[in-house]
Amino acid sequence: MLRRRTALLLGVATLLARPAAAQNATLVMMDRHDCVWCRRWLAEVGERAWNQSDLGRRAPLRRVDTTRGLPEDLRHIPNWRVTPTFILMVNQQEIGRFTGYGGELSFWQNAEMLMARLPA
């Protein structure tokens, strides 16, 4: 019985100690095909650069075309009407967000601040 409890506690501790990527961290980008700032983000930063960065490896990008409506698993997200809106999610829970794109430097600074909110 003691071994079983110890194993259970170690399992819980392991789950809590996992990095954010293992906790299903995702950076959701609320996007529109006709959004000038979304297109600018794609040209200046882009999905590939994000996903290959240290931040992107911790929270891969998930682009959501809001003109098609939100997928079922994201319908609980409130107040996202402006595009682009970048929302950091962990296990389907919002950790934080920032709205708009004011250039590459501003984006990376906002992303760094947002990623600092991830659970240790």
PDB file of N, CA and C in Angstrom:
ATOM      1  N   MET A   1       0.818  -1.193   0.000  1.00  0.00           N
ATOM      2  CA  MET A   1       0.000   0.000   0.000  1.00  0.00           C
ATOM      3  C   MET A   1       0.860   1.255   0.000  1.00  0.00           C
ATOM      4  N   LEU A   2       1.928   1.259   0.795  1.00  0.00           N
ATOM      5  CA  LEU A   2       2.829   2.406   0.874  1.00  0.00           C
ATOM      6  C   LEU A   2       3.518   2.634  -0.472  1.00  0.00           C
ATOM      7  N   ARG A   3       3.932   1.550  -1.116  1.00  0.00           N
ATOM      8  CA  ARG A   3       4.572   1.671  -2.430  1.00  0.00           C
ATOM      9  C   ARG A   3       3.611   2.269  -3.448  1.00  0.00           C
ATOM     10  N   ARG A   4       2.356   1.868  -3.392  1.00  0.00           N
ATOM     11  CA  ARG A   4       1.363   2.368  -4.321  1.00  0.00           C
ATOM     12  C   ARG A   4       1.150   3.872  -4.123  1.00  0.00           C
ATOM     13  N   ARG A   5       1.088   4.318  -2.866  1.00  0.00           N
ATOM     14  CA  ARG A   5       0.934   5.749  -2.571  1.00  0.00           C
ATOM     15  C   ARG A   5       2.152   6.534  -3.035  1.00  0.00           C
ATOM     16  N   THR A   6       3.333   5.975  -2.776  1.00  0.00           N
ATOM     17  CA  THR A   6       4.574   6.635  -3.188  1.00  0.00           C
ATOM     18  C   THR A   6       4.614   6.770  -4.704  1.00  0.00           C
ATOM     19  N   ALA A   7       4.254   5.708  -5.408  1.00  0.00           N
ATOM     20  CA  ALA A   7       4.229   5.743  -6.863  1.00  0.00           C
ATOM     21  C   ALA A   7       3.221   6.776  -7.366  1.00  0.00           C
ATOM     22  N   LEU A   8       2.075   6.847  -6.720  1.00  0.00           N
ATOM     23  CA  LEU A   8       1.055   7.817  -7.102  1.00  0.00           C
ATOM     24  C   LEU A   8       1.557   9.236  -6.885  1.00  0.00           C
ATOM     25  N   LEU A   9       2.176   9.490  -5.746  1.00  0.00           N
ATOM     26  CA  LEU A   9       2.707  10.826  -5.459  1.00  0.00           C
ATOM     27  C   LEU A   9       3.815  11.207  -6.429  1.00  0.00           C
ATOM     28  N   LEU A  10       4.681  10.256  -6.759  1.00  0.00           N
ATOM     29  CA  LEU A  10       5.731  10.530  -7.730  1.00  0.00           C
ATOM     30  C   LEU A  10       5.144  10.818  -9.103  1.00  0.00           C
ATOM     31  N   GLY A  11       4.097  10.122  -9.464  1.00  0.00           N
ATOM     32  CA  GLY A  11       3.424  10.365 -10.744  1.00  0.00           C
ATOM     33  C   GLY A  11       2.821  11.757 -10.809  1.00  0.00           C
ATOM     34  N   VAL A  12       2.185  12.179  -9.730  1.00  0.00           N
ATOM     35  CA  VAL A  12       1.613  13.522  -9.674  1.00  0.00           C
ATOM     36  C   VAL A  12       2.719  14.561  -9.733  1.00  0.00           C
ATOM     37  N   ALA A  13       3.797  14.354  -8.999  1.00  0.00           N
ATOM     38  CA  ALA A  13       4.915  15.290  -9.011  1.00  0.00           C
ATOM     39  C   ALA A  13       5.520  15.389 -10.408  1.00  0.00           C
ATOM     40  N   THR A  14       5.615  14.273 -11.101  1.00  0.00           N
ATOM     41  CA  THR A  14       6.142  14.279 -12.465  1.00  0.00           C
ATOM     42  C   THR A  14       5.235  15.073 -13.387  1.00  0.00           C
ATOM     43  N   LEU A  15       3.936  14.898 -13.263  1.00  0.00           N
ATOM     44  CA  LEU A  15       3.001  15.655 -14.091  1.00  0.00           C
ATOM     45  C   LEU A  15       3.120  17.152 -13.840  1.00  0.00           C
ATOM     46  N   LEU A  16       3.245  17.532 -12.584  1.00  0.00           N
ATOM     47  CA  LEU A  16       3.342  18.949 -12.241  1.00  0.00           C
ATOM     48  C   LEU A  16       4.661  19.552 -12.701  1.00  0.00           C
ATOM     49  N   ALA A  17       5.702  18.740 -12.788  1.00  0.00           N
ATOM     50  CA  ALA A  17       7.018  19.237 -13.155  1.00  0.00           C
ATOM     51  C   ALA A  17       7.250  19.258 -14.665  1.00  0.00           C
ATOM     52  N   ARG A  18       6.326  18.778 -15.444  1.00  0.00           N
ATOM     53  CA  ARG A  18       6.515  18.738 -16.886  1.00  0.00           C
ATOM     54  C   ARG A  18       6.618  20.148 -17.455  1.00  0.00           C
ATOM     55  N   PRO A  19       7.408  20.300 -18.538  1.00  0.00           N
ATOM     56  CA  PRO A  19       7.473  21.606 -19.177  1.00  0.00           C
ATOM     57  C   PRO A  19       6.131  21.961 -19.800  1.00  0.00           C
ATOM     58  N   ALA A  20       5.944  23.235 -20.108  1.00  0.00           N
ATOM     59  CA  ALA A  20       4.664  23.722 -20.628  1.00  0.00           C
ATOM     60  C   ALA A  20       4.239  23.000 -21.898  1.00  0.00           C
ATOM     61  N   ALA A  21       5.195  22.681 -22.783  1.00  0.00           N
ATOM     62  CA  ALA A  21       4.830  22.003 -24.022  1.00  0.00           C
ATOM     63  C   ALA A  21       4.151  20.677 -23.724  1.00  0.00           C
ATOM     64  N   ALA A  22       4.629  19.988 -22.687  1.00  0.00           N
ATOM     65  CA  ALA A  22       4.023  18.719 -22.314  1.00  0.00           C
ATOM     66  C   ALA A  22       2.662  18.939 -21.660  1.00  0.00           C
ATOM     67  N   GLN A  23       2.413  20.164 -21.191  1.00  0.00           N
ATOM     68  CA  GLN A  23       1.124  20.499 -20.599  1.00  0.00           C
ATOM     69  C   GLN A  23       0.164  21.043 -21.646  1.00  0.00           C
ATOM     70  N   ASN A  24       0.475  20.846 -22.914  1.00  0.00           N
ATOM     71  CA  ASN A  24      -0.378  21.282 -24.011  1.00  0.00           C
ATOM     72  C   ASN A  24      -0.510  22.799 -24.092  1.00  0.00           C
ATOM     73  N   ALA A  25       0.594  23.500 -23.957  1.00  0.00           N
ATOM     74  CA  ALA A  25       0.590  24.948 -24.142  1.00  0.00           C
ATOM     75  C   ALA A  25       0.482  25.240 -25.633  1.00  0.00           C
ATOM     76  N   THR A  26      -0.337  26.216 -25.964  1.00  0.00           N
ATOM     77  CA  THR A  26      -0.561  26.615 -27.348  1.00  0.00           C
ATOM     78  C   THR A  26      -0.717  28.125 -27.401  1.00  0.00           C
ATOM     79  N   LEU A  27      -0.160  28.742 -28.428  1.00  0.00           N
ATOM     80  CA  LEU A  27      -0.420  30.147 -28.688  1.00  0.00           C
ATOM     81  C   LEU A  27      -1.460  30.197 -29.795  1.00  0.00           C
ATOM     82  N   VAL A  28      -2.662  30.604 -29.438  1.00  0.00           N
ATOM     83  CA  VAL A  28      -3.758  30.681 -30.403  1.00  0.00           C
ATOM     84  C   VAL A  28      -3.742  32.073 -31.025  1.00  0.00           C
ATOM     85  N   MET A  29      -3.737  32.127 -32.337  1.00  0.00           N
ATOM     86  CA  MET A  29      -3.811  33.399 -33.051  1.00  0.00           C
ATOM     87  C   MET A  29      -5.185  33.512 -33.687  1.00  0.00           C
ATOM     88  N   MET A  30      -5.974  34.467 -33.181  1.00  0.00           N
ATOM     89  CA  MET A  30      -7.254  34.764 -33.803  1.00  0.00           C
ATOM     90  C   MET A  30      -6.940  35.589 -35.052  1.00  0.00           C
ATOM     91  N   ASP A  31      -7.316  35.078 -36.183  1.00  0.00           N
ATOM     92  CA  ASP A  31      -6.865  35.549 -37.486  1.00  0.00           C
ATOM     93  C   ASP A  31      -8.072  35.776 -38.399  1.00  0.00           C
ATOM     94  N   ARG A  32      -7.904  36.621 -39.385  1.00  0.00           N
ATOM     95  CA  ARG A  32      -8.904  36.795 -40.450  1.00  0.00           C
ATOM     96  C   ARG A  32      -8.157  36.895 -41.770  1.00  0.00           C
ATOM     97  N   HIS A  33      -8.721  36.325 -42.807  1.00  0.00           N
ATOM     98  CA  HIS A  33      -8.069  36.369 -44.114  1.00  0.00           C
ATOM     99  C   HIS A  33      -7.934  37.790 -44.652  1.00  0.00           C
ATOM    100  N   ASP A  34      -8.804  38.699 -44.222  1.00  0.00           N
ATOM    101  CA  ASP A  34      -8.773  40.080 -44.711  1.00  0.00           C
ATOM    102  C   ASP A  34      -8.150  41.054 -43.708  1.00  0.00           C
ATOM    103  N   CYS A  35      -7.472  40.558 -42.708  1.00  0.00           N
ATOM    104  CA  CYS A  35      -6.835  41.380 -41.676  1.00  0.00           C
ATOM    105  C   CYS A  35      -5.437  41.794 -42.138  1.00  0.00           C
ATOM    106  N   VAL A  36      -5.259  43.092 -42.375  1.00  0.00           N
ATOM    107  CA  VAL A  36      -3.975  43.612 -42.834  1.00  0.00           C
ATOM    108  C   VAL A  36      -2.868  43.326 -41.828  1.00  0.00           C
ATOM    109  N   TRP A  37      -3.165  43.484 -40.540  1.00  0.00           N
ATOM    110  CA  TRP A  37      -2.151  43.268 -39.497  1.00  0.00           C
ATOM    111  C   TRP A  37      -1.803  41.798 -39.354  1.00  0.00           C
ATOM    112  N   CYS A  38      -2.769  40.923 -39.588  1.00  0.00           N
ATOM    113  CA  CYS A  38      -2.487  39.475 -39.574  1.00  0.00           C
ATOM    114  C   CYS A  38      -1.526  39.122 -40.711  1.00  0.00           C
ATOM    115  N   ARG A  39      -1.782  39.681 -41.899  1.00  0.00           N
ATOM    116  CA  ARG A  39      -0.911  39.422 -43.051  1.00  0.00           C
ATOM    117  C   ARG A  39       0.491  39.974 -42.799  1.00  0.00           C
ATOM    118  N   ARG A  40       0.548  41.148 -42.151  1.00  0.00           N
ATOM    119  CA  ARG A  40       1.852  41.739 -41.835  1.00  0.00           C
ATOM    120  C   ARG A  40       2.606  40.838 -40.853  1.00  0.00           C
ATOM    121  N   TRP A  41       1.895  40.307 -39.851  1.00  0.00           N
ATOM    122  CA  TRP A  41       2.533  39.385 -38.910  1.00  0.00           C
ATOM    123  C   TRP A  41       3.084  38.174 -39.654  1.00  0.00           C
ATOM    124  N   LEU A  42       2.291  37.626 -40.562  1.00  0.00           N
ATOM    125  CA  LEU A  42       2.735  36.452 -41.331  1.00  0.00           C
ATOM    126  C   LEU A  42       3.985  36.765 -42.141  1.00  0.00           C
ATOM    127  N   ALA A  43       4.075  37.973 -42.710  1.00  0.00           N
ATOM    128  CA  ALA A  43       5.225  38.350 -43.527  1.00  0.00           C
ATOM    129  C   ALA A  43       6.467  38.637 -42.686  1.00  0.00           C
ATOM    130  N   GLU A  44       6.289  39.254 -41.522  1.00  0.00           N
ATOM    131  CA  GLU A  44       7.427  39.696 -40.727  1.00  0.00           C
ATOM    132  C   GLU A  44       7.890  38.683 -39.682  1.00  0.00           C
ATOM    133  N   VAL A  45       6.970  37.920 -39.118  1.00  0.00           N
ATOM    134  CA  VAL A  45       7.314  36.909 -38.118  1.00  0.00           C
ATOM    135  C   VAL A  45       6.990  35.542 -38.689  1.00  0.00           C
ATOM    136  N   GLY A  46       5.734  35.274 -38.838  1.00  0.00           N
ATOM    137  CA  GLY A  46       5.295  34.054 -39.486  1.00  0.00           C
ATOM    138  C   GLY A  46       5.223  32.839 -38.584  1.00  0.00           C
ATOM    139  N   GLU A  47       4.388  31.948 -38.999  1.00  0.00           N
ATOM    140  CA  GLU A  47       4.143  30.714 -38.257  1.00  0.00           C
ATOM    141  C   GLU A  47       5.411  29.874 -38.131  1.00  0.00           C
ATOM    142  N   ARG A  48       6.168  29.788 -39.198  1.00  0.00           N
ATOM    143  CA  ARG A  48       7.379  28.957 -39.179  1.00  0.00           C
ATOM    144  C   ARG A  48       8.415  29.502 -38.197  1.00  0.00           C
ATOM    145  N   ALA A  49       8.649  30.817 -38.230  1.00  0.00           N
ATOM    146  CA  ALA A  49       9.628  31.427 -37.313  1.00  0.00           C
ATOM    147  C   ALA A  49       9.179  31.256 -35.865  1.00  0.00           C
ATOM    148  N   TRP A  50       7.894  31.424 -35.615  1.00  0.00           N
ATOM    149  CA  TRP A  50       7.390  31.241 -34.250  1.00  0.00           C
ATOM    150  C   TRP A  50       7.627  29.810 -33.775  1.00  0.00           C
ATOM    151  N   ASN A  51       7.191  28.849 -34.559  1.00  0.00           N
ATOM    152  CA  ASN A  51       7.281  27.447 -34.138  1.00  0.00           C
ATOM    153  C   ASN A  51       8.719  26.960 -34.004  1.00  0.00           C
ATOM    154  N   GLN A  52       9.673  27.598 -34.691  1.00  0.00           N
ATOM    155  CA  GLN A  52      11.073  27.200 -34.580  1.00  0.00           C
ATOM    156  C   GLN A  52      11.807  27.954 -33.462  1.00  0.00           C
ATOM    157  N   SER A  53      11.163  28.955 -32.888  1.00  0.00           N
ATOM    158  CA  SER A  53      11.788  29.713 -31.804  1.00  0.00           C
ATOM    159  C   SER A  53      11.669  28.930 -30.492  1.00  0.00           C
ATOM    160  N   ASP A  54      12.444  29.340 -29.488  1.00  0.00           N
ATOM    161  CA  ASP A  54      12.343  28.714 -28.170  1.00  0.00           C
ATOM    162  C   ASP A  54      10.928  28.858 -27.613  1.00  0.00           C
ATOM    163  N   LEU A  55      10.337  30.035 -27.817  1.00  0.00           N
ATOM    164  CA  LEU A  55       8.972  30.256 -27.325  1.00  0.00           C
ATOM    165  C   LEU A  55       7.984  29.354 -28.047  1.00  0.00           C
ATOM    166  N   GLY A  56       8.140  29.246 -29.342  1.00  0.00           N
ATOM    167  CA  GLY A  56       7.241  28.428 -30.141  1.00  0.00           C
ATOM    168  C   GLY A  56       7.346  26.945 -29.845  1.00  0.00           C
ATOM    169  N   ARG A  57       8.525  26.506 -29.450  1.00  0.00           N
ATOM    170  CA  ARG A  57       8.665  25.089 -29.072  1.00  0.00           C
ATOM    171  C   ARG A  57       7.924  24.814 -27.758  1.00  0.00           C
ATOM    172  N   ARG A  58       7.817  25.841 -26.911  1.00  0.00           N
ATOM    173  CA  ARG A  58       7.073  25.689 -25.654  1.00  0.00           C
ATOM    174  C   ARG A  58       5.573  25.784 -25.887  1.00  0.00           C
ATOM    175  N   ALA A  59       5.164  26.600 -26.868  1.00  0.00           N
ATOM    176  CA  ALA A  59       3.745  26.804 -27.152  1.00  0.00           C
ATOM    177  C   ALA A  59       3.566  26.980 -28.661  1.00  0.00           C
ATOM    178  N   PRO A  60       3.396  25.891 -29.393  1.00  0.00           N
ATOM    179  CA  PRO A  60       3.218  25.984 -30.846  1.00  0.00           C
ATOM    180  C   PRO A  60       2.005  26.840 -31.207  1.00  0.00           C
ATOM    181  N   LEU A  61       2.092  27.463 -32.378  1.00  0.00           N
ATOM    182  CA  LEU A  61       1.035  28.346 -32.854  1.00  0.00           C
ATOM    183  C   LEU A  61      -0.145  27.551 -33.402  1.00  0.00           C
ATOM    184  N   ARG A  62      -1.320  28.046 -33.104  1.00  0.00           N
ATOM    185  CA  ARG A  62      -2.552  27.506 -33.686  1.00  0.00           C
ATOM    186  C   ARG A  62      -3.324  28.691 -34.251  1.00  0.00           C
ATOM    187  N   ARG A  63      -3.362  28.816 -35.554  1.00  0.00           N
ATOM    188  CA  ARG A  63      -4.098  29.905 -36.198  1.00  0.00           C
ATOM    189  C   ARG A  63      -5.559  29.513 -36.341  1.00  0.00           C
ATOM    190  N   VAL A  64      -6.430  30.454 -36.003  1.00  0.00           N
ATOM    191  CA  VAL A  64      -7.874  30.220 -36.096  1.00  0.00           C
ATOM    192  C   VAL A  64      -8.468  31.311 -36.971  1.00  0.00           C
ATOM    193  N   ASP A  65      -9.031  30.922 -38.107  1.00  0.00           N
ATOM    194  CA  ASP A  65      -9.705  31.865 -38.994  1.00  0.00           C
ATOM    195  C   ASP A  65     -11.079  32.159 -38.404  1.00  0.00           C
ATOM    196  N   THR A  66     -11.224  33.341 -37.844  1.00  0.00           N
ATOM    197  CA  THR A  66     -12.459  33.690 -37.127  1.00  0.00           C
ATOM    198  C   THR A  66     -13.646  33.889 -38.057  1.00  0.00           C
ATOM    199  N   THR A  67     -13.397  34.035 -39.355  1.00  0.00           N
ATOM    200  CA  THR A  67     -14.523  34.179 -40.292  1.00  0.00           C
ATOM    201  C   THR A  67     -15.285  32.867 -40.434  1.00  0.00           C
ATOM    202  N   ARG A  68     -14.665  31.783 -40.052  1.00  0.00           N
ATOM    203  CA  ARG A  68     -15.312  30.471 -40.105  1.00  0.00           C
ATOM    204  C   ARG A  68     -15.960  30.093 -38.782  1.00  0.00           C
ATOM    205  N   GLY A  69     -15.871  30.976 -37.791  1.00  0.00           N
ATOM    206  CA  GLY A  69     -16.372  30.665 -36.454  1.00  0.00           C
ATOM    207  C   GLY A  69     -15.289  29.959 -35.669  1.00  0.00           C
ATOM    208  N   LEU A  70     -15.484  29.921 -34.375  1.00  0.00           N
ATOM    209  CA  LEU A  70     -14.491  29.273 -33.520  1.00  0.00           C
ATOM    210  C   LEU A  70     -14.730  27.773 -33.460  1.00  0.00           C
ATOM    211  N   PRO A  71     -13.653  27.005 -33.404  1.00  0.00           N
ATOM    212  CA  PRO A  71     -13.810  25.570 -33.187  1.00  0.00           C
ATOM    213  C   PRO A  71     -14.468  25.323 -31.825  1.00  0.00           C
ATOM    214  N   GLU A  72     -15.092  24.211 -31.685  1.00  0.00           N
ATOM    215  CA  GLU A  72     -15.819  23.859 -30.459  1.00  0.00           C
ATOM    216  C   GLU A  72     -14.967  24.036 -29.207  1.00  0.00           C
ATOM    217  N   ASP A  73     -13.707  23.624 -29.268  1.00  0.00           N
ATOM    218  CA  ASP A  73     -12.857  23.683 -28.074  1.00  0.00           C
ATOM    219  C   ASP A  73     -12.401  25.098 -27.701  1.00  0.00           C
ATOM    220  N   LEU A  74     -12.705  26.087 -28.542  1.00  0.00           N
ATOM    221  CA  LEU A  74     -12.320  27.469 -28.234  1.00  0.00           C
ATOM    222  C   LEU A  74     -13.516  28.408 -28.054  1.00  0.00           C
ATOM    223  N   ARG A  75     -14.703  27.895 -28.112  1.00  0.00           N
ATOM    224  CA  ARG A  75     -15.888  28.755 -28.017  1.00  0.00           C
ATOM    225  C   ARG A  75     -16.069  29.413 -26.654  1.00  0.00           C
ATOM    226  N   HIS A  76     -15.356  28.937 -25.665  1.00  0.00           N
ATOM    227  CA  HIS A  76     -15.454  29.510 -24.320  1.00  0.00           C
ATOM    228  C   HIS A  76     -14.597  30.762 -24.155  1.00  0.00           C
ATOM    229  N   ILE A  77     -13.790  31.117 -25.156  1.00  0.00           N
ATOM    230  CA  ILE A  77     -12.902  32.274 -25.057  1.00  0.00           C
ATOM    231  C   ILE A  77     -13.700  33.560 -25.297  1.00  0.00           C
ATOM    232  N   PRO A  78     -13.706  34.463 -24.306  1.00  0.00           N
ATOM    233  CA  PRO A  78     -14.463  35.711 -24.467  1.00  0.00           C
ATOM    234  C   PRO A  78     -13.604  36.834 -25.070  1.00  0.00           C
ATOM    235  N   ASN A  79     -14.270  37.838 -25.618  1.00  0.00           N
ATOM    236  CA  ASN A  79     -13.656  39.129 -25.979  1.00  0.00           C
ATOM    237  C   ASN A  79     -12.435  39.028 -26.881  1.00  0.00           C
ATOM    238  N   TRP A  80     -12.584  38.397 -28.001  1.00  0.00           N
ATOM    239  CA  TRP A  80     -11.464  38.239 -28.926  1.00  0.00           C
ATOM    240  C   TRP A  80     -11.720  38.961 -30.247  1.00  0.00           C
ATOM    241  N   ARG A  81     -12.647  39.846 -30.330  1.00  0.00           N
ATOM    242  CA  ARG A  81     -13.137  40.413 -31.590  1.00  0.00           C
ATOM    243  C   ARG A  81     -12.096  41.080 -32.474  1.00  0.00           C
ATOM    244  N   VAL A  82     -11.002  41.547 -31.919  1.00  0.00           N
ATOM    245  CA  VAL A  82      -9.972  42.217 -32.706  1.00  0.00           C
ATOM    246  C   VAL A  82      -8.968  41.180 -33.193  1.00  0.00           C
ATOM    247  N   THR A  83      -8.564  41.311 -34.464  1.00  0.00           N
ATOM    248  CA  THR A  83      -7.531  40.422 -34.989  1.00  0.00           C
ATOM    249  C   THR A  83      -6.325  41.259 -35.392  1.00  0.00           C
ATOM    250  N   PRO A  84      -5.133  40.737 -35.188  1.00  0.00           N
ATOM    251  CA  PRO A  84      -4.878  39.468 -34.516  1.00  0.00           C
ATOM    252  C   PRO A  84      -4.932  39.617 -32.996  1.00  0.00           C
ATOM    253  N   THR A  85      -5.408  38.590 -32.365  1.00  0.00           N
ATOM    254  CA  THR A  85      -5.322  38.444 -30.915  1.00  0.00           C
ATOM    255  C   THR A  85      -4.562  37.149 -30.662  1.00  0.00           C
ATOM    256  N   PHE A  86      -3.547  37.240 -29.825  1.00  0.00           N
ATOM    257  CA  PHE A  86      -2.712  36.087 -29.485  1.00  0.00           C
ATOM    258  C   PHE A  86      -3.056  35.667 -28.064  1.00  0.00           C
ATOM    259  N   ILE A  87      -3.504  34.418 -27.900  1.00  0.00           N
ATOM    260  CA  ILE A  87      -3.958  33.916 -26.602  1.00  0.00           C
ATOM    261  C   ILE A  87      -3.131  32.690 -26.228  1.00  0.00           C
ATOM    262  N   LEU A  88      -2.493  32.771 -25.079  1.00  0.00           N
ATOM    263  CA  LEU A  88      -1.726  31.630 -24.581  1.00  0.00           C
ATOM    264  C   LEU A  88      -2.657  30.719 -23.797  1.00  0.00           C
ATOM    265  N   MET A  89      -2.737  29.470 -24.225  1.00  0.00           N
ATOM    266  CA  MET A  89      -3.610  28.483 -23.603  1.00  0.00           C
ATOM    267  C   MET A  89      -2.765  27.331 -23.055  1.00  0.00           C
ATOM    268  N   VAL A  90      -3.163  26.847 -21.889  1.00  0.00           N
ATOM    269  CA  VAL A  90      -2.571  25.628 -21.329  1.00  0.00           C
ATOM    270  C   VAL A  90      -3.729  24.743 -20.913  1.00  0.00           C
ATOM    271  N   ASN A  91      -3.769  23.556 -21.489  1.00  0.00           N
ATOM    272  CA  ASN A  91      -4.844  22.609 -21.198  1.00  0.00           C
ATOM    273  C   ASN A  91      -6.224  23.255 -21.313  1.00  0.00           C
ATOM    274  N   GLN A  92      -6.429  23.985 -22.418  1.00  0.00           N
ATOM    275  CA  GLN A  92      -7.705  24.621 -22.748  1.00  0.00           C
ATOM    276  C   GLN A  92      -8.081  25.786 -21.833  1.00  0.00           C
ATOM    277  N   GLN A  93      -7.158  26.269 -21.011  1.00  0.00           N
ATOM    278  CA  GLN A  93      -7.403  27.405 -20.130  1.00  0.00           C
ATOM    279  C   GLN A  93      -6.527  28.576 -20.569  1.00  0.00           C
ATOM    280  N   GLU A  94      -7.129  29.754 -20.631  1.00  0.00           N
ATOM    281  CA  GLU A  94      -6.379  30.941 -21.024  1.00  0.00           C
ATOM    282  C   GLU A  94      -5.439  31.370 -19.898  1.00  0.00           C
ATOM    283  N   ILE A  95      -4.186  31.600 -20.269  1.00  0.00           N
ATOM    284  CA  ILE A  95      -3.178  32.079 -19.333  1.00  0.00           C
ATOM    285  C   ILE A  95      -3.025  33.590 -19.478  1.00  0.00           C
ATOM    286  N   GLY A  96      -3.156  34.083 -20.689  1.00  0.00           N
ATOM    287  CA  GLY A  96      -3.032  35.507 -20.965  1.00  0.00           C
ATOM    288  C   GLY A  96      -3.146  35.758 -22.455  1.00  0.00           C
ATOM    289  N   ARG A  97      -3.141  37.051 -22.824  1.00  0.00           N
ATOM    290  CA  ARG A  97      -3.274  37.405 -24.235  1.00  0.00           C
ATOM    291  C   ARG A  97      -2.735  38.797 -24.489  1.00  0.00           C
ATOM    292  N   PHE A  98      -2.502  39.060 -25.761  1.00  0.00           N
ATOM    293  CA  PHE A  98      -2.276  40.427 -26.215  1.00  0.00           C
ATOM    294  C   PHE A  98      -2.925  40.575 -27.579  1.00  0.00           C
ATOM    295  N   THR A  99      -3.312  41.798 -27.871  1.00  0.00           N
ATOM    296  CA  THR A  99      -4.078  42.077 -29.079  1.00  0.00           C
ATOM    297  C   THR A  99      -3.295  43.000 -29.987  1.00  0.00           C
ATOM    298  N   GLY A 100      -3.376  42.733 -31.277  1.00  0.00           N
ATOM    299  CA  GLY A 100      -2.767  43.590 -32.277  1.00  0.00           C
ATOM    300  C   GLY A 100      -1.355  43.179 -32.628  1.00  0.00           C
ATOM    301  N   TYR A 101      -0.855  43.821 -33.662  1.00  0.00           N
ATOM    302  CA  TYR A 101       0.515  43.608 -34.108  1.00  0.00           C
ATOM    303  C   TYR A 101       1.103  44.964 -34.448  1.00  0.00           C
ATOM    304  N   GLY A 102       2.103  45.372 -33.689  1.00  0.00           N
ATOM    305  CA  GLY A 102       2.738  46.669 -33.887  1.00  0.00           C
ATOM    306  C   GLY A 102       4.155  46.552 -34.397  1.00  0.00           C
ATOM    307  N   GLY A 103       4.469  45.465 -35.023  1.00  0.00           N
ATOM    308  CA  GLY A 103       5.811  45.243 -35.543  1.00  0.00           C
ATOM    309  C   GLY A 103       6.482  44.068 -34.852  1.00  0.00           C
ATOM    310  N   GLU A 104       7.563  43.634 -35.469  1.00  0.00           N
ATOM    311  CA  GLU A 104       8.253  42.423 -35.017  1.00  0.00           C
ATOM    312  C   GLU A 104       8.791  42.550 -33.593  1.00  0.00           C
ATOM    313  N   LEU A 105       9.478  43.635 -33.285  1.00  0.00           N
ATOM    314  CA  LEU A 105      10.049  43.813 -31.949  1.00  0.00           C
ATOM    315  C   LEU A 105       8.966  43.808 -30.885  1.00  0.00           C
ATOM    316  N   SER A 106       7.915  44.555 -31.129  1.00  0.00           N
ATOM    317  CA  SER A 106       6.795  44.614 -30.183  1.00  0.00           C
ATOM    318  C   SER A 106       6.170  43.236 -29.986  1.00  0.00           C
ATOM    319  N   PHE A 107       6.010  42.497 -31.075  1.00  0.00           N
ATOM    320  CA  PHE A 107       5.429  41.155 -30.970  1.00  0.00           C
ATOM    321  C   PHE A 107       6.267  40.260 -30.070  1.00  0.00           C
ATOM    322  N   TRP A 108       7.590  40.209 -30.318  1.00  0.00           N
ATOM    323  CA  TRP A 108       8.440  39.313 -29.537  1.00  0.00           C
ATOM    324  C   TRP A 108       8.484  39.727 -28.071  1.00  0.00           C
ATOM    325  N   GLN A 109       8.458  41.038 -27.807  1.00  0.00           N
ATOM    326  CA  GLN A 109       8.428  41.497 -26.413  1.00  0.00           C
ATOM    327  C   GLN A 109       7.140  41.066 -25.734  1.00  0.00           C
ATOM    328  N   ASN A 110       6.007  41.258 -26.409  1.00  0.00           N
ATOM    329  CA  ASN A 110       4.719  40.834 -25.847  1.00  0.00           C
ATOM    330  C   ASN A 110       4.674  39.325 -25.652  1.00  0.00           C
ATOM    331  N   ALA A 111       5.220  38.594 -26.605  1.00  0.00           N
ATOM    332  CA  ALA A 111       5.229  37.133 -26.506  1.00  0.00           C
ATOM    333  C   ALA A 111       6.075  36.673 -25.318  1.00  0.00           C
ATOM    334  N   GLU A 112       7.229  37.310 -25.120  1.00  0.00           N
ATOM    335  CA  GLU A 112       8.093  36.974 -23.976  1.00  0.00           C
ATOM    336  C   GLU A 112       7.353  37.195 -22.655  1.00  0.00           C
ATOM    337  N   MET A 113       6.676  38.348 -22.538  1.00  0.00           N
ATOM    338  CA  MET A 113       5.932  38.643 -21.306  1.00  0.00           C
ATOM    339  C   MET A 113       4.804  37.637 -21.096  1.00  0.00           C
ATOM    340  N   LEU A 114       4.145  37.264 -22.175  1.00  0.00           N
ATOM    341  CA  LEU A 114       3.057  36.301 -22.081  1.00  0.00           C
ATOM    342  C   LEU A 114       3.578  34.927 -21.673  1.00  0.00           C
ATOM    343  N   MET A 115       4.667  34.505 -22.272  1.00  0.00           N
ATOM    344  CA  MET A 115       5.221  33.181 -21.965  1.00  0.00           C
ATOM    345  C   MET A 115       5.775  33.109 -20.552  1.00  0.00           C
ATOM    346  N   ALA A 116       6.132  34.239 -19.977  1.00  0.00           N
ATOM    347  CA  ALA A 116       6.619  34.261 -18.591  1.00  0.00           C
ATOM    348  C   ALA A 116       5.498  33.857 -17.620  1.00  0.00           C
ATOM    349  N   ARG A 117       4.260  33.889 -18.065  1.00  0.00           N
ATOM    350  CA  ARG A 117       3.128  33.498 -17.222  1.00  0.00           C
ATOM    351  C   ARG A 117       2.895  31.999 -17.175  1.00  0.00           C
ATOM    352  N   LEU A 118       3.622  31.254 -18.006  1.00  0.00           N
ATOM    353  CA  LEU A 118       3.427  29.802 -18.021  1.00  0.00           C
ATOM    354  C   LEU A 118       3.787  29.199 -16.685  1.00  0.00           C
ATOM    355  N   PRO A 119       3.045  28.182 -16.278  1.00  0.00           N
ATOM    356  CA  PRO A 119       3.388  27.486 -15.035  1.00  0.00           C
ATOM    357  C   PRO A 119       4.800  26.913 -15.115  1.00  0.00           C
ATOM    358  N   ALA A 120       5.497  26.955 -14.002  1.00  0.00           N
ATOM    359  CA  ALA A 120       6.875  26.429 -13.975  1.00  0.00           C
ATOM    360  C   ALA A 120       6.874  24.929 -14.178  1.00  0.00           C
TER     361      ALA A 120
END
